[in-house]
Structure formats: structure tokens, C-alpha cells
Amino acid sequence: MVDRPKFDHGDGAHEPVAAVTAPEVDAWFVREVLPLEAALMEFLQHNWRSKSDVYDFRQEVYIRVYEAALKGLPERPRQFVFATARNLLIDRVRHEQIVPIEAVTDLEALEVALDAPGPERIVLARDELRHLQVALDRLPPRWREAFVLARIEGLSRSEIAQRMGVAESAVSQYLSQGVSQLVDILYGETPTLQRKS
């Protein structure tokens, strides 16, 4: 049995990979990575507010993923792409040595330690929380309840299903539609989903 080389994700996790040629990487990239573009852009926009940087980040993620794939194809491309994006954002924050609240919206997800916030940050954070509360209030009740239970109370989908008295598939649908609707509301796009209760 031949041992396959390991690929280091930078987070201590190793994933077996196999050596590949450039044409194989090209085909893999088109098949596995490019279909993730919409989700990747949503992730980058959610975690970095400066829209002018997001397209550059996407390209940098693509470059890093492609170069890594030349050494060996990751077995879990989606996880690898998003781990790469997360690490890129962390690198950018560390490089700039500042973390303005306007630039990064989900600091815990980026695992960046911050000093105590100043008065300006507190005011901005409160304003963002009020904006989020208004958006949550506009969601249909079942979507809002599922979102609050998952994102604020930290319950699992099975716990939410039990508490709401619905199937887990219904919880998944509520969460998916609720998050989509919140994105539309928060970023000023026309909502694409009909309100349901």
C-alpha cells in the first residue's frame, strides 16, 4: 500500500492528497472550485465590509487554492476553499494591524483578539445591532424563531426542531430562507422570497 502525501491546511489538520498534472488541476478547478464562487463571494462580503477588496480576495483565494492543488488535490474542496478564504482574511487583518469595525463584521469567525472597543466602535456596533434587529423583525415569525434559536441561542437543528415542533428538514428550510432574506434586507437588495409564517 502506498502512503499518500499529506496536505497541511495551516490549522493543524492534514488531508491526504495525490500528485497531479496541471491539466488535471485545471479540470478539477473548473469542476470543484468555480461552482463555489457565489458562496465564496457571500462569505467574503459577510466577513469584510470593504466591497472594493472582495474581488481581489476572491482572486487571491483562487491563486492559493490552485497553487496548493498543483501539489495535490484536496479531498474536500469546499472546506479547503473556505479555510483558504478564512486564512486570507486573518492574514490581511494581521498585516494591517488594525481591525476597524467597518471592515470586519464577524471578528469571532476570524479568531482575532481585540482590545476593549473605543466609544466610536461601541456606537457603530450598537447601530449595527439595531439594524440587525429591524431586519430580524421583518422576517416571517417561523424563520425568525429558527434563526434566533440557531444563531443566538446556539441550538442544534434537532433541538430547534424539537422546540418548534417541526421536522429537521423544515428547520433547515427556515434557516436557509431566513438567512437569504436577512442578506437581502441588510444589503438593500429586493427580497426574492415571499413572506411565509
N, C-alpha and C. Protein backbone atom coordinates (compact mmCIF):
# COMPACT_ATOMS: atom_id res chain seq x y z
N MET A 1 0.85 -1.19 0.00
CA MET A 1 0.00 0.00 0.00
C MET A 1 0.88 1.23 0.00
N VAL A 2 0.59 2.18 -0.86
CA VAL A 2 1.39 3.40 -0.99
C VAL A 2 0.81 4.48 -0.10
N ASP A 3 1.68 5.11 0.70
CA ASP A 3 1.23 6.23 1.52
C ASP A 3 1.07 7.46 0.65
N ARG A 4 -0.07 8.13 0.81
CA ARG A 4 -0.30 9.37 0.07
C ARG A 4 0.26 10.52 0.87
N PRO A 5 0.82 11.54 0.20
CA PRO A 5 1.32 12.70 0.94
C PRO A 5 0.19 13.41 1.65
N LYS A 6 0.54 14.14 2.69
CA LYS A 6 -0.45 14.89 3.46
C LYS A 6 -0.38 16.36 3.08
N PHE A 7 -1.55 17.02 3.06
CA PHE A 7 -1.60 18.45 2.80
C PHE A 7 -1.96 19.16 4.09
N ASP A 8 -1.18 20.14 4.49
CA ASP A 8 -1.42 20.88 5.73
C ASP A 8 -2.31 22.08 5.43
N HIS A 9 -3.47 22.15 6.11
CA HIS A 9 -4.41 23.26 5.93
C HIS A 9 -3.97 24.51 6.66
N GLY A 10 -2.91 24.42 7.45
CA GLY A 10 -2.50 25.58 8.22
C GLY A 10 -3.19 25.64 9.57
N ASP A 11 -4.13 24.73 9.82
CA ASP A 11 -4.82 24.72 11.10
C ASP A 11 -4.51 23.42 11.85
N GLY A 12 -3.43 22.75 11.43
CA GLY A 12 -3.02 21.52 12.09
C GLY A 12 -3.67 20.28 11.50
N ALA A 13 -4.69 20.46 10.66
CA ALA A 13 -5.37 19.32 10.05
C ALA A 13 -4.65 18.93 8.78
N HIS A 14 -4.42 17.66 8.62
CA HIS A 14 -3.76 17.17 7.41
C HIS A 14 -4.77 16.37 6.60
N GLU A 15 -4.65 16.51 5.30
CA GLU A 15 -5.57 15.82 4.42
C GLU A 15 -4.76 15.10 3.36
N PRO A 16 -5.01 13.81 3.10
CA PRO A 16 -4.27 13.09 2.08
C PRO A 16 -4.52 13.69 0.70
N VAL A 17 -3.48 13.73 -0.10
CA VAL A 17 -3.61 14.24 -1.45
C VAL A 17 -2.79 13.37 -2.40
N ALA A 18 -3.02 13.51 -3.68
CA ALA A 18 -2.25 12.79 -4.68
C ALA A 18 -1.63 13.79 -5.64
N ALA A 19 -0.42 13.49 -6.14
CA ALA A 19 0.24 14.38 -7.09
C ALA A 19 -0.58 14.41 -8.38
N VAL A 20 -0.66 15.60 -8.99
CA VAL A 20 -1.47 15.77 -10.19
C VAL A 20 -0.75 16.66 -11.20
N THR A 21 -1.22 16.59 -12.45
CA THR A 21 -0.67 17.42 -13.51
C THR A 21 -1.47 18.71 -13.63
N ALA A 22 -0.90 19.71 -14.31
CA ALA A 22 -1.59 20.99 -14.48
C ALA A 22 -2.94 20.82 -15.20
N PRO A 23 -3.06 20.02 -16.27
CA PRO A 23 -4.38 19.84 -16.89
C PRO A 23 -5.40 19.22 -15.94
N GLU A 24 -4.93 18.30 -15.08
CA GLU A 24 -5.85 17.71 -14.10
C GLU A 24 -6.32 18.76 -13.09
N VAL A 25 -5.40 19.63 -12.68
CA VAL A 25 -5.76 20.69 -11.75
C VAL A 25 -6.73 21.65 -12.42
N ASP A 26 -6.47 21.98 -13.69
CA ASP A 26 -7.39 22.87 -14.42
C ASP A 26 -8.81 22.30 -14.43
N ALA A 27 -8.92 21.03 -14.76
CA ALA A 27 -10.24 20.39 -14.83
C ALA A 27 -10.87 20.34 -13.44
N TRP A 28 -10.08 19.98 -12.43
CA TRP A 28 -10.59 19.94 -11.05
C TRP A 28 -11.07 21.32 -10.61
N PHE A 29 -10.29 22.35 -10.93
CA PHE A 29 -10.63 23.72 -10.53
C PHE A 29 -11.97 24.14 -11.14
N VAL A 30 -12.15 23.87 -12.41
CA VAL A 30 -13.41 24.22 -13.09
C VAL A 30 -14.57 23.41 -12.51
N ARG A 31 -14.34 22.15 -12.24
CA ARG A 31 -15.40 21.27 -11.76
C ARG A 31 -15.74 21.50 -10.28
N GLU A 32 -14.75 21.72 -9.42
CA GLU A 32 -14.97 21.76 -7.98
C GLU A 32 -14.94 23.15 -7.36
N VAL A 33 -14.10 24.05 -7.87
CA VAL A 33 -13.90 25.34 -7.22
C VAL A 33 -14.80 26.43 -7.80
N LEU A 34 -14.83 26.57 -9.10
CA LEU A 34 -15.61 27.65 -9.71
C LEU A 34 -17.10 27.61 -9.34
N PRO A 35 -17.72 26.43 -9.19
CA PRO A 35 -19.13 26.43 -8.77
C PRO A 35 -19.35 27.00 -7.36
N LEU A 36 -18.30 27.14 -6.58
CA LEU A 36 -18.41 27.69 -5.22
C LEU A 36 -18.33 29.22 -5.19
N GLU A 37 -18.18 29.84 -6.36
CA GLU A 37 -17.93 31.29 -6.41
C GLU A 37 -19.00 32.11 -5.69
N ALA A 38 -20.26 31.83 -5.91
CA ALA A 38 -21.32 32.62 -5.27
C ALA A 38 -21.23 32.52 -3.75
N ALA A 39 -21.06 31.31 -3.25
CA ALA A 39 -20.94 31.12 -1.79
C ALA A 39 -19.68 31.77 -1.26
N LEU A 40 -18.59 31.67 -2.01
CA LEU A 40 -17.33 32.30 -1.60
C LEU A 40 -17.49 33.82 -1.54
N MET A 41 -18.11 34.41 -2.54
CA MET A 41 -18.31 35.86 -2.54
C MET A 41 -19.19 36.28 -1.38
N GLU A 42 -20.23 35.50 -1.09
CA GLU A 42 -21.10 35.82 0.06
C GLU A 42 -20.30 35.76 1.36
N PHE A 43 -19.46 34.75 1.49
CA PHE A 43 -18.62 34.62 2.68
C PHE A 43 -17.67 35.82 2.82
N LEU A 44 -17.02 36.19 1.73
CA LEU A 44 -16.08 37.31 1.77
C LEU A 44 -16.80 38.63 2.07
N GLN A 45 -17.94 38.85 1.44
CA GLN A 45 -18.70 40.08 1.68
C GLN A 45 -19.21 40.14 3.11
N HIS A 46 -19.57 38.99 3.66
CA HIS A 46 -20.08 38.96 5.04
C HIS A 46 -18.96 39.27 6.04
N ASN A 47 -17.76 38.82 5.74
CA ASN A 47 -16.66 38.95 6.69
C ASN A 47 -15.73 40.12 6.43
N TRP A 48 -15.92 40.84 5.33
CA TRP A 48 -15.08 42.00 5.03
C TRP A 48 -15.95 43.04 4.35
N ARG A 49 -16.18 44.17 5.01
CA ARG A 49 -17.18 45.12 4.52
C ARG A 49 -16.71 45.98 3.37
N SER A 50 -15.41 46.12 3.19
CA SER A 50 -14.90 46.95 2.10
C SER A 50 -15.10 46.20 0.79
N LYS A 51 -16.16 46.55 0.08
CA LYS A 51 -16.53 45.84 -1.15
C LYS A 51 -15.43 45.88 -2.21
N SER A 52 -14.63 46.95 -2.19
CA SER A 52 -13.59 47.07 -3.20
C SER A 52 -12.51 46.00 -3.04
N ASP A 53 -12.37 45.42 -1.84
CA ASP A 53 -11.36 44.38 -1.60
C ASP A 53 -11.86 42.99 -1.94
N VAL A 54 -13.15 42.79 -1.96
CA VAL A 54 -13.72 41.44 -2.06
C VAL A 54 -13.30 40.73 -3.34
N TYR A 55 -13.30 41.42 -4.47
CA TYR A 55 -12.93 40.77 -5.73
C TYR A 55 -11.44 40.39 -5.73
N ASP A 56 -10.61 41.25 -5.12
CA ASP A 56 -9.19 40.92 -5.00
C ASP A 56 -8.99 39.71 -4.11
N PHE A 57 -9.77 39.63 -3.01
CA PHE A 57 -9.69 38.48 -2.13
C PHE A 57 -10.06 37.20 -2.87
N ARG A 58 -11.14 37.28 -3.67
CA ARG A 58 -11.56 36.10 -4.42
C ARG A 58 -10.42 35.60 -5.31
N GLN A 59 -9.78 36.52 -6.02
CA GLN A 59 -8.68 36.13 -6.90
C GLN A 59 -7.53 35.53 -6.10
N GLU A 60 -7.22 36.12 -4.96
CA GLU A 60 -6.14 35.59 -4.12
C GLU A 60 -6.48 34.21 -3.60
N VAL A 61 -7.74 33.98 -3.23
CA VAL A 61 -8.16 32.65 -2.80
C VAL A 61 -7.97 31.67 -3.96
N TYR A 62 -8.41 32.06 -5.15
CA TYR A 62 -8.25 31.18 -6.31
C TYR A 62 -6.78 30.84 -6.56
N ILE A 63 -5.92 31.82 -6.45
CA ILE A 63 -4.49 31.59 -6.68
C ILE A 63 -3.95 30.61 -5.63
N ARG A 64 -4.26 30.86 -4.37
CA ARG A 64 -3.76 29.99 -3.30
C ARG A 64 -4.29 28.56 -3.46
N VAL A 65 -5.57 28.43 -3.78
CA VAL A 65 -6.15 27.10 -3.94
C VAL A 65 -5.52 26.38 -5.13
N TYR A 66 -5.36 27.09 -6.23
CA TYR A 66 -4.79 26.48 -7.44
C TYR A 66 -3.36 26.03 -7.18
N GLU A 67 -2.56 26.91 -6.57
CA GLU A 67 -1.16 26.56 -6.30
C GLU A 67 -1.07 25.36 -5.36
N ALA A 68 -1.92 25.32 -4.36
CA ALA A 68 -1.92 24.18 -3.44
C ALA A 68 -2.35 22.91 -4.18
N ALA A 69 -3.31 23.02 -5.07
CA ALA A 69 -3.81 21.86 -5.81
C ALA A 69 -2.74 21.28 -6.73
N LEU A 70 -1.80 22.11 -7.18
CA LEU A 70 -0.71 21.60 -8.00
C LEU A 70 0.16 20.61 -7.23
N LYS A 71 0.18 20.76 -5.90
CA LYS A 71 0.94 19.84 -5.05
C LYS A 71 0.12 18.60 -4.73
N GLY A 72 -1.19 18.72 -4.82
CA GLY A 72 -2.08 17.59 -4.55
C GLY A 72 -3.50 18.09 -4.37
N LEU A 73 -4.46 17.37 -4.92
CA LEU A 73 -5.86 17.79 -4.85
C LEU A 73 -6.44 17.50 -3.47
N PRO A 74 -7.03 18.52 -2.84
CA PRO A 74 -7.69 18.27 -1.55
C PRO A 74 -8.89 17.35 -1.76
N GLU A 75 -9.14 16.48 -0.80
CA GLU A 75 -10.27 15.56 -0.92
C GLU A 75 -11.60 16.27 -0.66
N ARG A 76 -11.57 17.36 0.12
CA ARG A 76 -12.78 18.12 0.43
C ARG A 76 -12.61 19.55 -0.09
N PRO A 77 -12.86 19.77 -1.38
CA PRO A 77 -12.60 21.07 -1.98
C PRO A 77 -13.35 22.23 -1.33
N ARG A 78 -14.62 22.04 -0.99
CA ARG A 78 -15.40 23.13 -0.40
C ARG A 78 -14.77 23.60 0.91
N GLN A 79 -14.47 22.65 1.79
CA GLN A 79 -13.87 23.01 3.07
C GLN A 79 -12.51 23.68 2.85
N PHE A 80 -11.75 23.17 1.89
CA PHE A 80 -10.43 23.72 1.61
C PHE A 80 -10.53 25.17 1.10
N VAL A 81 -11.46 25.43 0.20
CA VAL A 81 -11.63 26.78 -0.35
C VAL A 81 -12.00 27.76 0.77
N PHE A 82 -12.93 27.38 1.63
CA PHE A 82 -13.37 28.29 2.68
C PHE A 82 -12.33 28.45 3.79
N ALA A 83 -11.56 27.40 4.07
CA ALA A 83 -10.45 27.54 5.02
C ALA A 83 -9.39 28.49 4.45
N THR A 84 -9.16 28.39 3.15
CA THR A 84 -8.20 29.29 2.49
C THR A 84 -8.69 30.73 2.56
N ALA A 85 -9.97 30.95 2.31
CA ALA A 85 -10.54 32.31 2.37
C ALA A 85 -10.44 32.86 3.78
N ARG A 86 -10.78 32.04 4.76
CA ARG A 86 -10.70 32.47 6.15
C ARG A 86 -9.27 32.86 6.53
N ASN A 87 -8.31 32.02 6.15
CA ASN A 87 -6.91 32.30 6.46
C ASN A 87 -6.43 33.57 5.75
N LEU A 88 -6.89 33.80 4.54
CA LEU A 88 -6.52 35.02 3.82
C LEU A 88 -7.03 36.26 4.57
N LEU A 89 -8.27 36.22 5.05
CA LEU A 89 -8.81 37.36 5.79
C LEU A 89 -8.04 37.59 7.09
N ILE A 90 -7.70 36.50 7.77
CA ILE A 90 -6.91 36.63 9.00
C ILE A 90 -5.55 37.25 8.69
N ASP A 91 -4.92 36.77 7.61
CA ASP A 91 -3.62 37.34 7.21
C ASP A 91 -3.73 38.83 6.94
N ARG A 92 -4.80 39.24 6.25
CA ARG A 92 -4.97 40.67 5.91
C ARG A 92 -5.14 41.50 7.18
N VAL A 93 -5.95 41.01 8.11
CA VAL A 93 -6.17 41.74 9.37
C VAL A 93 -4.86 41.87 10.13
N ARG A 94 -4.12 40.78 10.23
CA ARG A 94 -2.84 40.83 10.95
C ARG A 94 -1.85 41.75 10.25
N HIS A 95 -1.83 41.71 8.93
CA HIS A 95 -0.90 42.55 8.17
C HIS A 95 -1.19 44.02 8.39
N GLU A 96 -2.47 44.38 8.38
CA GLU A 96 -2.84 45.78 8.55
C GLU A 96 -2.73 46.22 10.00
N GLN A 97 -2.71 45.26 10.93
CA GLN A 97 -2.58 45.51 12.36
C GLN A 97 -3.65 46.44 12.91
N ILE A 98 -4.76 46.55 12.20
CA ILE A 98 -5.91 47.30 12.69
C ILE A 98 -7.15 46.52 12.31
N VAL A 99 -8.17 46.66 13.10
CA VAL A 99 -9.42 45.96 12.81
C VAL A 99 -10.57 46.93 12.96
N PRO A 100 -10.81 47.78 11.94
CA PRO A 100 -11.93 48.70 12.06
C PRO A 100 -13.24 47.93 11.99
N ILE A 101 -14.20 48.33 12.81
CA ILE A 101 -15.49 47.65 12.85
C ILE A 101 -16.17 47.73 11.48
N GLU A 102 -15.86 48.76 10.70
CA GLU A 102 -16.47 48.89 9.38
C GLU A 102 -15.92 47.85 8.41
N ALA A 103 -14.72 47.34 8.67
CA ALA A 103 -14.09 46.44 7.72
C ALA A 103 -14.44 44.98 7.97
N VAL A 104 -14.51 44.56 9.22
CA VAL A 104 -14.74 43.15 9.53
C VAL A 104 -15.98 43.04 10.37
N THR A 105 -16.94 42.24 9.91
CA THR A 105 -18.20 42.14 10.62
C THR A 105 -18.27 40.94 11.55
N ASP A 106 -17.50 39.92 11.33
CA ASP A 106 -17.59 38.72 12.13
C ASP A 106 -16.23 38.38 12.70
N LEU A 107 -15.79 39.16 13.71
CA LEU A 107 -14.45 39.03 14.24
C LEU A 107 -14.21 37.69 14.90
N GLU A 108 -15.20 37.14 15.56
CA GLU A 108 -15.00 35.85 16.21
C GLU A 108 -14.72 34.77 15.18
N ALA A 109 -15.36 34.83 14.03
CA ALA A 109 -15.12 33.84 12.99
C ALA A 109 -13.69 33.94 12.48
N LEU A 110 -13.11 35.11 12.55
CA LEU A 110 -11.74 35.30 12.10
C LEU A 110 -10.73 35.04 13.22
N GLU A 111 -11.21 34.78 14.44
CA GLU A 111 -10.38 34.49 15.59
C GLU A 111 -9.30 35.55 15.80
N VAL A 112 -9.71 36.79 15.82
CA VAL A 112 -8.78 37.89 16.03
C VAL A 112 -9.03 38.46 17.41
N ALA A 113 -7.98 38.57 18.20
CA ALA A 113 -8.13 39.13 19.54
C ALA A 113 -8.11 40.65 19.43
N LEU A 114 -9.05 41.29 20.10
CA LEU A 114 -9.16 42.74 20.07
C LEU A 114 -9.00 43.32 21.46
N ASP A 115 -8.52 44.55 21.52
CA ASP A 115 -8.52 45.28 22.78
C ASP A 115 -9.95 45.75 23.02
N ALA A 116 -10.18 46.31 24.20
CA ALA A 116 -11.51 46.83 24.51
C ALA A 116 -11.89 47.89 23.48
N PRO A 117 -13.12 47.87 23.00
CA PRO A 117 -13.53 48.82 21.96
C PRO A 117 -13.62 50.24 22.50
N GLY A 118 -13.33 51.20 21.62
CA GLY A 118 -13.46 52.60 21.98
C GLY A 118 -14.90 53.05 21.81
N PRO A 119 -15.20 54.29 22.20
CA PRO A 119 -16.58 54.79 22.11
C PRO A 119 -17.15 54.76 20.70
N GLU A 120 -16.31 55.07 19.70
CA GLU A 120 -16.80 55.06 18.31
C GLU A 120 -17.24 53.66 17.90
N ARG A 121 -16.44 52.67 18.28
CA ARG A 121 -16.78 51.29 17.94
C ARG A 121 -18.06 50.86 18.64
N ILE A 122 -18.22 51.27 19.87
CA ILE A 122 -19.43 50.91 20.62
C ILE A 122 -20.66 51.48 19.93
N VAL A 123 -20.58 52.73 19.53
CA VAL A 123 -21.71 53.37 18.85
C VAL A 123 -22.00 52.66 17.53
N LEU A 124 -20.95 52.37 16.75
CA LEU A 124 -21.15 51.67 15.48
C LEU A 124 -21.74 50.27 15.70
N ALA A 125 -21.24 49.58 16.71
CA ALA A 125 -21.75 48.23 16.99
C ALA A 125 -23.22 48.27 17.39
N ARG A 126 -23.58 49.24 18.22
CA ARG A 126 -24.98 49.37 18.62
C ARG A 126 -25.86 49.68 17.42
N ASP A 127 -25.35 50.52 16.53
CA ASP A 127 -26.11 50.86 15.32
C ASP A 127 -26.31 49.61 14.46
N GLU A 128 -25.26 48.81 14.32
CA GLU A 128 -25.38 47.57 13.55
C GLU A 128 -26.37 46.61 14.20
N LEU A 129 -26.35 46.53 15.53
CA LEU A 129 -27.30 45.66 16.22
C LEU A 129 -28.74 46.13 16.01
N ARG A 130 -28.96 47.45 16.06
CA ARG A 130 -30.31 47.97 15.80
C ARG A 130 -30.74 47.63 14.38
N HIS A 131 -29.83 47.79 13.43
CA HIS A 131 -30.12 47.47 12.03
C HIS A 131 -30.46 45.98 11.88
N LEU A 132 -29.71 45.11 12.58
CA LEU A 132 -29.99 43.69 12.53
C LEU A 132 -31.34 43.37 13.16
N GLN A 133 -31.67 44.04 14.28
CA GLN A 133 -32.96 43.79 14.94
C GLN A 133 -34.11 44.18 14.02
N VAL A 134 -33.98 45.31 13.32
CA VAL A 134 -35.02 45.73 12.37
C VAL A 134 -35.17 44.68 11.28
N ALA A 135 -34.04 44.18 10.78
CA ALA A 135 -34.08 43.15 9.74
C ALA A 135 -34.74 41.87 10.27
N LEU A 136 -34.37 41.46 11.49
CA LEU A 136 -34.98 40.26 12.08
C LEU A 136 -36.49 40.43 12.24
N ASP A 137 -36.91 41.62 12.64
CA ASP A 137 -38.34 41.88 12.83
C ASP A 137 -39.12 41.77 11.53
N ARG A 138 -38.44 41.94 10.40
CA ARG A 138 -39.11 41.86 9.10
C ARG A 138 -39.24 40.42 8.59
N LEU A 139 -38.56 39.47 9.25
CA LEU A 139 -38.66 38.07 8.83
C LEU A 139 -40.00 37.48 9.24
N PRO A 140 -40.49 36.50 8.50
CA PRO A 140 -41.67 35.77 8.94
C PRO A 140 -41.37 35.12 10.30
N PRO A 141 -42.38 34.97 11.15
CA PRO A 141 -42.16 34.50 12.53
C PRO A 141 -41.38 33.18 12.64
N ARG A 142 -41.70 32.19 11.82
CA ARG A 142 -41.04 30.89 11.93
C ARG A 142 -39.57 30.99 11.52
N TRP A 143 -39.29 31.77 10.48
CA TRP A 143 -37.90 31.96 10.04
C TRP A 143 -37.11 32.66 11.14
N ARG A 144 -37.72 33.71 11.73
CA ARG A 144 -37.06 34.48 12.78
C ARG A 144 -36.78 33.59 13.99
N GLU A 145 -37.78 32.80 14.38
CA GLU A 145 -37.62 31.92 15.54
C GLU A 145 -36.48 30.92 15.31
N ALA A 146 -36.45 30.30 14.15
CA ALA A 146 -35.38 29.34 13.84
C ALA A 146 -34.02 30.02 13.84
N PHE A 147 -33.94 31.20 13.24
CA PHE A 147 -32.68 31.94 13.19
C PHE A 147 -32.18 32.29 14.59
N VAL A 148 -33.07 32.81 15.43
CA VAL A 148 -32.69 33.20 16.79
C VAL A 148 -32.23 31.97 17.59
N LEU A 149 -32.96 30.87 17.47
CA LEU A 149 -32.58 29.66 18.20
C LEU A 149 -31.23 29.12 17.74
N ALA A 150 -30.96 29.22 16.45
CA ALA A 150 -29.69 28.69 15.91
C ALA A 150 -28.53 29.64 16.15
N ARG A 151 -28.69 30.90 15.76
CA ARG A 151 -27.56 31.82 15.75
C ARG A 151 -27.34 32.55 17.06
N ILE A 152 -28.39 32.72 17.84
CA ILE A 152 -28.24 33.48 19.09
C ILE A 152 -28.18 32.52 20.28
N GLU A 153 -29.09 31.54 20.31
CA GLU A 153 -29.10 30.60 21.42
C GLU A 153 -28.18 29.41 21.19
N GLY A 154 -27.73 29.22 19.95
CA GLY A 154 -26.75 28.18 19.65
C GLY A 154 -27.28 26.76 19.68
N LEU A 155 -28.58 26.59 19.44
CA LEU A 155 -29.16 25.25 19.45
C LEU A 155 -28.86 24.52 18.14
N SER A 156 -28.81 23.19 18.21
CA SER A 156 -28.62 22.38 17.01
C SER A 156 -29.95 22.32 16.26
N ARG A 157 -29.89 21.84 15.03
CA ARG A 157 -31.11 21.75 14.23
C ARG A 157 -32.12 20.79 14.85
N SER A 158 -31.62 19.70 15.44
CA SER A 158 -32.55 18.76 16.07
C SER A 158 -33.20 19.39 17.30
N GLU A 159 -32.44 20.17 18.07
CA GLU A 159 -33.01 20.85 19.24
C GLU A 159 -34.04 21.89 18.81
N ILE A 160 -33.73 22.60 17.72
CA ILE A 160 -34.67 23.61 17.21
C ILE A 160 -35.95 22.92 16.74
N ALA A 161 -35.80 21.81 16.02
CA ALA A 161 -36.97 21.07 15.52
C ALA A 161 -37.85 20.63 16.68
N GLN A 162 -37.21 20.14 17.74
CA GLN A 162 -37.96 19.71 18.91
C GLN A 162 -38.70 20.89 19.55
N ARG A 163 -38.00 21.99 19.72
CA ARG A 163 -38.61 23.16 20.37
C ARG A 163 -39.73 23.75 19.53
N MET A 164 -39.55 23.78 18.21
CA MET A 164 -40.57 24.36 17.33
C MET A 164 -41.66 23.37 16.96
N GLY A 165 -41.44 22.09 17.23
CA GLY A 165 -42.44 21.07 16.91
C GLY A 165 -42.54 20.80 15.41
N VAL A 166 -41.39 20.85 14.72
CA VAL A 166 -41.37 20.60 13.28
C VAL A 166 -40.24 19.62 12.96
N ALA A 167 -40.20 19.16 11.73
CA ALA A 167 -39.12 18.26 11.28
C ALA A 167 -37.83 19.04 11.09
N GLU A 168 -36.69 18.34 11.17
CA GLU A 168 -35.40 18.99 10.96
C GLU A 168 -35.30 19.59 9.56
N SER A 169 -35.93 18.95 8.59
CA SER A 169 -35.89 19.48 7.22
C SER A 169 -36.59 20.84 7.16
N ALA A 170 -37.65 21.01 7.94
CA ALA A 170 -38.34 22.31 8.00
C ALA A 170 -37.43 23.35 8.63
N VAL A 171 -36.69 22.96 9.67
CA VAL A 171 -35.75 23.89 10.31
C VAL A 171 -34.69 24.32 9.31
N SER A 172 -34.17 23.36 8.55
CA SER A 172 -33.16 23.69 7.53
C SER A 172 -33.72 24.68 6.52
N GLN A 173 -34.95 24.46 6.12
CA GLN A 173 -35.58 25.37 5.15
C GLN A 173 -35.79 26.75 5.77
N TYR A 174 -36.27 26.81 7.02
CA TYR A 174 -36.47 28.10 7.69
C TYR A 174 -35.15 28.86 7.79
N LEU A 175 -34.08 28.16 8.17
CA LEU A 175 -32.78 28.81 8.34
C LEU A 175 -32.24 29.31 6.99
N SER A 176 -32.33 28.46 5.99
CA SER A 176 -31.84 28.83 4.66
C SER A 176 -32.58 30.05 4.12
N GLN A 177 -33.90 30.00 4.17
CA GLN A 177 -34.70 31.11 3.66
C GLN A 177 -34.53 32.35 4.53
N GLY A 178 -34.43 32.16 5.85
CA GLY A 178 -34.25 33.29 6.75
C GLY A 178 -32.94 34.01 6.51
N VAL A 179 -31.86 33.25 6.34
CA VAL A 179 -30.56 33.88 6.09
C VAL A 179 -30.57 34.61 4.75
N SER A 180 -31.15 33.99 3.73
CA SER A 180 -31.24 34.66 2.42
C SER A 180 -32.01 35.96 2.51
N GLN A 181 -33.14 35.91 3.22
CA GLN A 181 -33.97 37.11 3.37
C GLN A 181 -33.21 38.19 4.16
N LEU A 182 -32.49 37.79 5.22
CA LEU A 182 -31.71 38.76 6.00
C LEU A 182 -30.65 39.43 5.15
N VAL A 183 -29.97 38.65 4.32
CA VAL A 183 -28.96 39.22 3.43
C VAL A 183 -29.60 40.25 2.51
N ASP A 184 -30.76 39.90 1.95
CA ASP A 184 -31.46 40.84 1.08
C ASP A 184 -31.83 42.12 1.82
N ILE A 185 -32.34 41.97 3.03
CA ILE A 185 -32.77 43.13 3.82
C ILE A 185 -31.58 43.98 4.22
N LEU A 186 -30.53 43.33 4.74
CA LEU A 186 -29.38 44.07 5.26
C LEU A 186 -28.56 44.76 4.18
N TYR A 187 -28.51 44.17 3.00
CA TYR A 187 -27.69 44.74 1.94
C TYR A 187 -28.51 45.45 0.88
N GLY A 188 -29.78 45.73 1.20
CA GLY A 188 -30.59 46.59 0.35
C GLY A 188 -31.05 46.00 -0.95
N GLU A 189 -30.97 44.69 -1.11
CA GLU A 189 -31.45 44.09 -2.34
C GLU A 189 -32.93 43.81 -2.22
N THR A 190 -33.59 43.68 -3.34
CA THR A 190 -35.00 43.35 -3.34
C THR A 190 -35.18 41.92 -2.88
N PRO A 191 -35.98 41.67 -1.83
CA PRO A 191 -36.17 40.30 -1.36
C PRO A 191 -36.74 39.42 -2.46
N THR A 192 -36.20 38.22 -2.57
CA THR A 192 -36.63 37.31 -3.63
C THR A 192 -37.61 36.27 -3.10
N LEU A 193 -37.77 36.18 -1.80
CA LEU A 193 -38.65 35.18 -1.23
C LEU A 193 -39.92 35.82 -0.72
N GLN A 194 -41.00 35.08 -0.81
CA GLN A 194 -42.27 35.56 -0.29
C GLN A 194 -42.31 35.32 1.21
N ARG A 195 -42.94 36.21 1.94
CA ARG A 195 -43.09 36.02 3.38
C ARG A 195 -44.05 34.87 3.65
N LYS A 196 -43.62 33.99 4.56
CA LYS A 196 -44.46 32.86 4.96
C LYS A 196 -44.45 32.82 6.47
N SER A 197 -45.43 32.19 7.05
CA SER A 197 -45.42 32.04 8.51
C SER A 197 -45.19 30.62 8.91
